[in-house]
Structure formats: C-alpha cells, structure tokens
Amino acid sequence: MTTTKSKIDREMFRKAHKEQQEQAKKGPEGHTLVSRAVIRLIENQLKEARVGEYTIQCDEAKSRKGGGKAPSPLQYFVAATGF
C-alpha cells in the first residue's frame, strides 16, 4: 500500500491564520481591502470580468435567454460561499 502526502501545507496555513489574528488585534488600520472588476458585455447574457490578473466569464442558462457558455452569476456566488 502506498501513501500519498497531503497537498495542503497545514503548517503554512496555521502560520498565515496566526498572522491574520495578530494583525486583527492591532485594529482596523491596514485591513481595508479594495477589489475592482472591469465588466464587459460580450453578447446577450454572456459577460466577461477582469478581476486583478484573472479574466472570468459568466452567462445564463438557455432557459433564461443566455447561451449557457459559462457559469451564471448565482453559480459563482454559491461556489464563493464554499471558498
């Protein structure tokens, strides 16, 4: 039987969490996070968003007059709650 090593670096995760806790104890200064997205309509319900260095698309299902070419905004939202 072979064992596989976990791909999660738990020590790094714990260290990052501890650092965030220590920063939070110091107060709200430096904790403001600004995220911006540039959105463009490609066609019908298909949209593209540039967020930082990433480009993502969203669409609606054909039943909602979309093309079904990408996840819907609601599907992204549901996934984000798990992140």
Protein backbone atom coordinates (compact mmCIF):
# COMPACT_ATOMS: atom_id res chain seq x y z
CA MET A 1 0.00 0.00 0.00
CA THR A 2 1.30 3.42 -0.90
CA THR A 3 0.53 6.58 0.97
CA THR A 4 0.22 9.98 -0.60
CA LYS A 5 1.31 13.15 1.07
CA SER A 6 -1.34 15.79 1.65
CA LYS A 7 -1.21 18.69 -0.80
CA ILE A 8 -2.23 21.08 1.95
CA ASP A 9 0.65 22.67 3.82
CA ARG A 10 -1.03 22.79 7.20
CA GLU A 11 1.86 24.49 8.91
CA MET A 12 1.79 27.33 6.36
CA PHE A 13 -2.00 27.58 6.79
CA ARG A 14 -1.66 27.80 10.60
CA LYS A 15 1.10 30.42 10.32
CA ALA A 16 -0.95 32.59 7.94
CA HIS A 17 -4.01 32.29 10.20
CA LYS A 18 -1.98 33.23 13.28
CA GLU A 19 -0.51 36.28 11.48
CA GLN A 20 -4.01 37.41 10.47
CA GLN A 21 -5.21 37.06 14.06
CA GLU A 22 -2.30 39.14 15.34
CA GLN A 23 -2.96 41.86 12.75
CA ALA A 24 -6.67 41.94 13.67
CA LYS A 25 -5.77 42.56 17.32
CA LYS A 26 -3.97 45.77 16.29
CA GLY A 27 -7.14 47.38 14.97
CA PRO A 28 -8.72 48.17 11.61
CA GLU A 29 -5.79 50.12 10.14
CA GLY A 30 -4.29 48.32 7.20
CA HIS A 31 -7.24 45.96 6.88
CA THR A 32 -9.06 47.77 4.12
CA LEU A 33 -9.22 45.61 1.02
CA VAL A 34 -10.30 47.09 -2.29
CA SER A 35 -11.21 44.81 -5.17
CA ARG A 36 -12.24 46.15 -8.54
CA ALA A 37 -13.67 44.40 -11.57
CA VAL A 38 -13.97 45.64 -15.12
CA ILE A 39 -17.02 44.08 -16.74
CA ARG A 40 -17.91 43.99 -20.42
CA LEU A 41 -20.92 42.58 -22.18
CA ILE A 42 -19.86 40.18 -24.91
CA GLU A 43 -23.24 39.09 -26.28
CA ASN A 44 -26.76 38.63 -24.93
CA GLN A 45 -26.22 37.46 -21.31
CA LEU A 46 -22.53 36.49 -21.73
CA LYS A 47 -20.27 38.83 -19.75
CA GLU A 48 -16.54 38.96 -19.08
CA ALA A 49 -14.93 40.29 -15.92
CA ARG A 50 -11.33 41.27 -15.36
CA VAL A 51 -10.52 40.98 -11.67
CA GLY A 52 -6.89 41.62 -10.85
CA GLU A 53 -4.86 39.32 -13.05
CA TYR A 54 -7.79 36.99 -13.79
CA THR A 55 -10.41 37.02 -16.52
CA ILE A 56 -13.65 35.14 -15.93
CA GLN A 57 -16.91 34.84 -17.81
CA CYS A 58 -20.48 34.35 -16.71
CA ASP A 59 -23.61 33.56 -18.66
CA GLU A 60 -27.15 32.48 -18.01
CA ALA A 61 -28.73 29.16 -18.91
CA LYS A 62 -30.52 28.88 -22.24
CA SER A 63 -33.80 28.72 -20.32
CA ARG A 64 -33.02 32.25 -19.04
CA LYS A 65 -32.21 33.57 -22.53
CA GLY A 66 -28.47 33.01 -22.12
CA GLY A 67 -26.12 30.86 -24.11
CA GLY A 68 -25.08 28.51 -21.29
CA LYS A 69 -21.41 29.13 -22.16
CA ALA A 70 -20.21 29.83 -18.60
CA PRO A 71 -21.47 29.60 -15.01
CA SER A 72 -24.23 32.01 -14.03
CA PRO A 73 -23.64 34.80 -11.50
CA LEU A 74 -25.65 32.79 -8.95
CA GLN A 75 -23.46 29.73 -9.53
CA TYR A 76 -20.35 31.84 -8.89
CA PHE A 77 -21.95 33.16 -5.71
CA VAL A 78 -22.81 29.67 -4.46
CA ALA A 79 -19.26 28.49 -5.19
CA ALA A 80 -17.80 31.56 -3.44
CA THR A 81 -19.57 30.68 -0.20
CA GLY A 82 -17.55 27.47 -0.15
CA PHE A 83 -14.24 29.25 -0.67
